[in-house]
Amino acid sequence: MNLNGRVAIVTGAGGGLGRTHALILARYGAKVVVNDLGDGADTVAAEIVAAGGEAFAAQGSVTDEARVDTIIQSTLARFGQIDILVNNAGILRDKSFSKMSLEDFRLVVDVHLMGAAIFTKAVWETMRARNYGRIVMTTSSSGLYGNFGQANYGAAKMALVGLMQTLSIEGARNNIRVNCLAPTATTAMTDNLFPAEVKEHLRPALVSPGLINLVAEDAPTRTILCAGAGHFKTANITLTKGAYIGSSDNAAEEIGRRWSDITDRTGETVPENAGAQINQELTAAAQAMGLA
């Protein structure tokens, strides 16, 4: 778990989860770049330095490509490398979908999804050149499982899972490991979502230890780690064995009749990539036609 000599960038780190992420990364030895829009970044960076760590604040929006590039260049100039990126920055614009404006939908997607993509793209080549990188996307149970009033947020958070899935494959040859963290915690962004009696159990500091495992030397890749109240578990996108239906004229009716077979989760798998699903389908077809 030793992060001595590693350089980490944490977005949205001026408070809440980002702050506890930055503090624990520093405690494990990483040099930390604290990114946020306001003065909170300076406060957290000063907190790390006061505790004997190395850090500097880098204010700016994750959606501002020019500013992000400047932050990356400043980090490389000061620390010489970038080993860890934690895409944590986010906003909420909660409303039921019928009342939600497309402007608010785009804004949430821009900050969560595009902000993560912009920062990740900015560090990708330097990580590839050094054959080392650890990247964490912040997803959410709202994306994985849905939540009323969060169509924009849920869509963005699930999109980050898709981004993680592909980047973990593309980054493998260069030892770039990409994971997702799905936190449950009370922050300024989520303060009104939880009753007072449970807030003490949902402190951000109870989530951040999981982050260390996602950015360590022996970190996994393509893992969705869910964390809250000191409890940790993983989520997976699985594929059932399904049923071969074929191409008959009544295929739609046959699908309906065999729906329980198609959705039966016995023996479901976690495909290693998209091709695994295609292989399963072609194998089933070949077996049904006596070709395998």
Protein backbone atom coordinates (compact mmCIF):
# COMPACT_ATOMS: atom_id res chain seq x y z
CA MET A 1 0.00 0.00 0.00
CA ASN A 2 3.05 2.28 0.01
CA LEU A 3 2.58 5.18 -2.44
CA ASN A 4 5.92 6.84 -1.76
CA GLY A 5 7.18 8.57 -4.91
CA ARG A 6 3.80 8.40 -6.65
CA VAL A 7 2.09 11.53 -7.93
CA ALA A 8 -1.70 11.72 -7.74
CA ILE A 9 -4.22 14.18 -9.14
CA VAL A 10 -7.63 14.30 -7.46
CA THR A 11 -10.40 16.31 -9.10
CA GLY A 12 -13.13 17.92 -7.02
CA ALA A 13 -10.82 17.62 -4.02
CA GLY A 14 -11.65 20.89 -2.26
CA GLY A 15 -14.10 19.16 0.07
CA GLY A 16 -16.14 16.05 0.72
CA LEU A 17 -14.93 12.80 -0.80
CA GLY A 18 -12.25 14.49 -2.87
CA ARG A 19 -10.71 15.96 0.26
CA THR A 20 -10.62 12.64 2.11
CA HIS A 21 -9.22 10.98 -1.03
CA ALA A 22 -6.45 13.57 -1.24
CA LEU A 23 -5.63 13.30 2.47
CA ILE A 24 -5.39 9.52 2.50
CA LEU A 25 -3.29 9.46 -0.68
CA ALA A 26 -0.87 11.87 1.01
CA ARG A 27 -0.90 9.79 4.19
CA TYR A 28 0.22 6.77 2.16
CA GLY A 29 3.06 8.80 0.67
CA ALA A 30 1.76 10.22 -2.60
CA LYS A 31 2.41 13.75 -3.76
CA VAL A 32 -1.01 15.21 -4.42
CA VAL A 33 -2.38 17.76 -6.87
CA VAL A 34 -5.62 19.10 -5.40
CA ASN A 35 -8.01 20.22 -8.11
CA ASP A 36 -11.24 22.10 -7.54
CA LEU A 37 -13.00 25.25 -8.65
CA GLY A 38 -12.56 27.36 -5.52
CA ASP A 39 -10.43 28.09 -2.49
CA GLY A 40 -11.14 24.67 -1.02
CA ALA A 41 -8.29 23.32 -3.15
CA ASP A 42 -5.84 25.67 -1.45
CA THR A 43 -7.13 24.70 1.98
CA VAL A 44 -6.75 20.97 1.36
CA ALA A 45 -3.30 21.37 -0.18
CA ALA A 46 -2.22 23.41 2.85
CA GLU A 47 -3.64 20.74 5.13
CA ILE A 48 -1.50 18.10 3.43
CA VAL A 49 1.64 20.23 3.60
CA ALA A 50 1.03 21.02 7.28
CA ALA A 51 0.91 17.27 7.95
CA GLY A 52 4.31 16.82 6.29
CA GLY A 53 3.17 15.86 2.80
CA GLU A 54 3.71 17.38 -0.61
CA ALA A 55 0.83 18.99 -2.46
CA PHE A 56 -0.26 21.97 -4.46
CA ALA A 57 -3.63 23.37 -5.43
CA ALA A 58 -4.72 23.53 -9.07
CA GLN A 59 -7.93 25.45 -9.48
CA GLY A 60 -10.02 25.01 -12.60
CA SER A 61 -13.00 23.27 -14.14
CA VAL A 62 -12.61 19.70 -15.33
CA THR A 63 -14.54 20.70 -18.46
CA ASP A 64 -12.01 23.40 -19.43
CA GLU A 65 -9.61 21.54 -21.72
CA ALA A 66 -7.03 24.34 -21.84
CA ARG A 67 -6.99 24.66 -18.07
CA VAL A 68 -6.71 20.89 -17.63
CA ASP A 69 -3.70 20.83 -19.98
CA THR A 70 -2.11 23.61 -17.93
CA ILE A 71 -2.65 21.60 -14.72
CA ILE A 72 -1.01 18.56 -16.31
CA GLN A 73 1.99 20.57 -17.48
CA SER A 74 2.34 22.22 -14.05
CA THR A 75 2.25 18.81 -12.39
CA LEU A 76 4.91 17.40 -14.70
CA ALA A 77 7.08 20.49 -14.23
CA ARG A 78 6.87 20.23 -10.46
CA PHE A 79 6.84 16.48 -9.84
CA GLY A 80 8.12 15.03 -13.10
CA GLN A 81 5.45 12.36 -13.49
CA ILE A 82 1.79 11.49 -13.02
CA ASP A 83 0.97 8.05 -11.65
CA ILE A 84 -2.58 8.32 -10.31
CA LEU A 85 -5.70 10.15 -11.48
CA VAL A 86 -8.85 10.15 -9.40
CA ASN A 87 -11.79 11.53 -11.36
CA ASN A 88 -13.99 12.66 -8.49
CA ALA A 89 -15.43 16.03 -9.54
CA GLY A 90 -19.20 16.17 -9.88
CA ILE A 91 -22.41 18.13 -9.52
CA LEU A 92 -26.10 17.38 -9.04
CA ARG A 93 -29.13 18.82 -10.81
CA ASP A 94 -31.84 16.50 -9.51
CA LYS A 95 -35.36 16.55 -10.93
CA SER A 96 -37.71 13.97 -12.33
CA PHE A 97 -37.08 13.46 -16.03
CA SER A 98 -40.37 15.09 -16.99
CA LYS A 99 -39.29 18.29 -15.22
CA MET A 100 -35.59 18.19 -16.10
CA SER A 101 -34.30 20.59 -18.72
CA LEU A 102 -31.92 19.30 -21.37
CA GLU A 103 -29.55 22.04 -20.24
CA ASP A 104 -29.31 20.43 -16.80
CA PHE A 105 -28.96 17.02 -18.41
CA ARG A 106 -26.03 18.19 -20.54
CA LEU A 107 -24.39 20.03 -17.65
CA VAL A 108 -24.28 16.96 -15.42
CA VAL A 109 -23.03 14.75 -18.26
CA ASP A 110 -20.38 17.35 -19.15
CA VAL A 111 -18.97 17.55 -15.62
CA HIS A 112 -19.08 13.88 -14.71
CA LEU A 113 -18.44 12.13 -18.02
CA MET A 114 -16.67 14.68 -20.19
CA GLY A 115 -14.71 16.07 -17.25
CA ALA A 116 -13.36 12.59 -16.52
CA ALA A 117 -12.65 11.97 -20.21
CA ILE A 118 -10.83 15.28 -20.58
CA PHE A 119 -8.60 14.72 -17.55
CA THR A 120 -7.97 11.08 -18.47
CA LYS A 121 -7.06 11.99 -22.04
CA ALA A 122 -4.67 14.63 -20.69
CA VAL A 123 -2.72 12.09 -18.58
CA TRP A 124 -3.04 9.09 -20.88
CA GLU A 125 0.07 9.60 -23.02
CA THR A 126 2.39 10.35 -20.12
CA MET A 127 1.16 7.20 -18.39
CA ARG A 128 1.65 5.15 -21.56
CA ALA A 129 5.16 6.53 -22.01
CA ARG A 130 6.13 5.42 -18.49
CA ASN A 131 4.20 2.13 -18.64
CA TYR A 132 2.44 2.94 -15.42
CA GLY A 133 -0.90 4.45 -14.50
CA ARG A 134 -3.74 4.07 -12.05
CA ILE A 135 -7.04 5.76 -12.94
CA VAL A 136 -10.24 5.76 -10.91
CA MET A 137 -13.64 6.82 -12.23
CA THR A 138 -16.31 7.73 -9.70
CA THR A 139 -19.52 5.93 -10.58
CA SER A 140 -22.63 5.61 -8.41
CA SER A 141 -25.39 3.25 -7.38
CA SER A 142 -27.66 5.73 -9.19
CA GLY A 143 -25.94 4.76 -12.43
CA LEU A 144 -25.62 1.08 -11.66
CA TYR A 145 -29.16 0.59 -10.35
CA GLY A 146 -31.09 3.82 -10.95
CA ASN A 147 -32.52 6.43 -8.62
CA PHE A 148 -35.63 8.60 -8.94
CA GLY A 149 -34.87 12.16 -10.02
CA GLN A 150 -31.36 11.40 -11.24
CA ALA A 151 -31.70 10.49 -14.91
CA ASN A 152 -28.87 12.87 -15.85
CA TYR A 153 -26.60 11.82 -13.00
CA GLY A 154 -27.33 8.12 -13.44
CA ALA A 155 -26.68 8.26 -17.18
CA ALA A 156 -23.34 10.00 -16.66
CA LYS A 157 -22.29 7.63 -13.89
CA MET A 158 -23.08 4.51 -15.89
CA ALA A 159 -21.26 5.98 -18.88
CA LEU A 160 -18.16 6.18 -16.70
CA VAL A 161 -18.39 2.41 -16.18
CA GLY A 162 -18.34 1.96 -19.94
CA LEU A 163 -15.35 4.28 -20.20
CA MET A 164 -13.57 2.29 -17.50
CA GLN A 165 -14.30 -1.03 -19.22
CA THR A 166 -12.70 0.03 -22.49
CA LEU A 167 -9.76 1.98 -21.07
CA SER A 168 -8.81 -0.94 -18.83
CA ILE A 169 -8.51 -3.07 -21.97
CA GLU A 170 -6.63 -0.45 -23.98
CA GLY A 171 -4.32 0.41 -21.10
CA ALA A 172 -3.40 -3.14 -20.12
CA ARG A 173 -0.30 -3.41 -22.31
CA ASN A 174 1.12 -0.27 -20.69
CA ASN A 175 0.28 -1.26 -17.11
CA ILE A 176 -2.49 1.32 -16.86
CA ARG A 177 -5.16 -0.04 -14.56
CA VAL A 178 -8.58 1.58 -14.58
CA ASN A 179 -11.27 1.02 -11.97
CA CYS A 180 -14.50 2.53 -10.68
CA LEU A 181 -15.40 3.58 -7.17
CA ALA A 182 -19.10 3.81 -6.28
CA PRO A 183 -19.22 5.73 -2.99
CA THR A 184 -22.07 6.31 -0.57
CA ALA A 185 -21.23 9.30 1.60
CA THR A 186 -22.63 12.54 2.92
CA THR A 187 -20.99 15.52 1.28
CA ALA A 188 -22.11 19.03 0.41
CA MET A 189 -23.47 17.57 -2.82
CA THR A 190 -25.53 14.85 -1.13
CA ASP A 191 -26.23 16.34 2.28
CA ASN A 192 -29.99 16.58 1.76
CA LEU A 193 -30.32 13.00 0.53
CA PHE A 194 -29.81 11.30 3.90
CA PRO A 195 -31.60 11.59 7.25
CA ALA A 196 -29.56 13.07 10.08
CA GLU A 197 -29.38 9.82 12.05
CA VAL A 198 -27.46 8.00 9.30
CA LYS A 199 -25.05 10.75 8.28
CA GLU A 200 -22.46 9.84 10.91
CA HIS A 201 -22.23 6.35 9.41
CA LEU A 202 -21.76 7.72 5.90
CA ARG A 203 -18.70 9.87 6.46
CA PRO A 204 -16.48 10.25 3.35
CA ALA A 205 -13.49 9.03 5.37
CA LEU A 206 -15.13 5.59 5.53
CA VAL A 207 -15.00 5.33 1.72
CA SER A 208 -11.48 6.54 0.90
CA PRO A 209 -9.54 3.50 2.20
CA GLY A 210 -11.05 1.58 -0.71
CA LEU A 211 -9.51 4.08 -3.10
CA ILE A 212 -6.02 3.14 -1.95
CA ASN A 213 -6.59 -0.43 -3.07
CA LEU A 214 -7.64 0.78 -6.53
CA VAL A 215 -4.47 2.85 -7.08
CA ALA A 216 -1.82 0.72 -5.39
CA GLU A 217 1.01 -1.07 -7.18
CA ASP A 218 -1.00 -4.32 -7.17
CA ALA A 219 -4.33 -2.68 -7.96
CA PRO A 220 -6.93 -4.66 -9.91
CA THR A 221 -8.36 -3.42 -13.16
CA ARG A 222 -11.98 -3.32 -14.45
CA THR A 223 -13.28 -3.47 -10.89
CA ILE A 224 -16.34 -1.59 -9.63
CA LEU A 225 -15.80 -1.14 -5.90
CA CYS A 226 -18.86 -0.01 -3.96
CA ALA A 227 -18.18 1.58 -0.58
CA GLY A 228 -20.20 3.15 2.21
CA ALA A 229 -20.44 3.10 6.00
CA GLY A 230 -17.22 1.10 6.16
CA HIS A 231 -18.67 -1.69 4.02
CA PHE A 232 -17.03 -2.71 0.74
CA LYS A 233 -18.32 -4.91 -2.08
CA THR A 234 -18.02 -5.17 -5.85
CA ALA A 235 -20.62 -4.76 -8.57
CA ASN A 236 -20.45 -6.66 -11.85
CA ILE A 237 -22.12 -6.49 -15.22
CA THR A 238 -23.01 -10.10 -15.88
CA LEU A 239 -24.24 -12.18 -18.80
CA THR A 240 -26.68 -15.07 -18.41
CA LYS A 241 -26.29 -18.31 -20.33
CA GLY A 242 -29.46 -17.48 -22.20
CA ALA A 243 -31.24 -19.70 -24.71
CA TYR A 244 -30.85 -20.30 -28.43
CA ILE A 245 -34.04 -19.35 -30.29
CA GLY A 246 -32.94 -19.29 -33.93
CA SER A 247 -34.51 -17.48 -36.86
CA SER A 248 -37.96 -18.97 -37.22
CA ASP A 249 -40.97 -16.84 -38.10
CA ASN A 250 -42.28 -17.18 -34.55
CA ALA A 251 -38.97 -16.25 -32.87
CA ALA A 252 -40.60 -13.38 -30.96
CA GLU A 253 -43.23 -15.71 -29.50
CA GLU A 254 -40.58 -18.32 -28.64
CA ILE A 255 -38.53 -15.68 -26.81
CA GLY A 256 -41.61 -14.89 -24.75
CA ARG A 257 -42.19 -18.55 -23.94
CA ARG A 258 -38.58 -19.06 -22.91
CA TRP A 259 -38.15 -15.77 -21.08
CA SER A 260 -37.42 -17.52 -17.79
CA ASP A 261 -34.60 -19.50 -19.46
CA ILE A 262 -33.17 -16.36 -21.05
CA THR A 263 -33.15 -14.46 -17.76
CA ASP A 264 -32.09 -17.35 -15.52
CA ARG A 265 -28.99 -16.15 -13.65
CA THR A 266 -27.68 -19.62 -12.87
CA GLY A 267 -24.13 -19.84 -14.19
CA GLU A 268 -24.01 -16.22 -15.36
CA THR A 269 -20.56 -14.86 -16.21
CA VAL A 270 -18.65 -11.57 -16.31
CA PRO A 271 -17.36 -11.34 -19.92
CA GLU A 272 -13.77 -10.17 -20.26
CA ASN A 273 -14.72 -7.97 -23.21
CA ALA A 274 -17.46 -7.39 -25.78
CA GLY A 275 -16.13 -10.18 -27.95
CA ALA A 276 -16.92 -12.71 -25.23
CA GLN A 277 -20.63 -12.03 -25.70
CA ILE A 278 -20.33 -12.46 -29.45
CA ASN A 279 -18.44 -15.73 -28.97
CA GLN A 280 -21.14 -17.02 -26.63
CA GLU A 281 -23.82 -16.23 -29.19
CA LEU A 282 -21.96 -17.81 -32.10
CA THR A 283 -21.07 -20.91 -30.06
CA ALA A 284 -24.69 -21.38 -29.03
CA ALA A 285 -25.83 -21.05 -32.63
CA ALA A 286 -23.19 -23.50 -33.84
CA GLN A 287 -24.15 -26.06 -31.19
CA ALA A 288 -27.84 -25.75 -32.02
CA MET A 289 -27.12 -26.38 -35.70
CA GLY A 290 -24.82 -29.31 -34.96
CA LEU A 291 -21.73 -27.50 -36.15
CA ALA A 292 -19.87 -27.66 -32.84
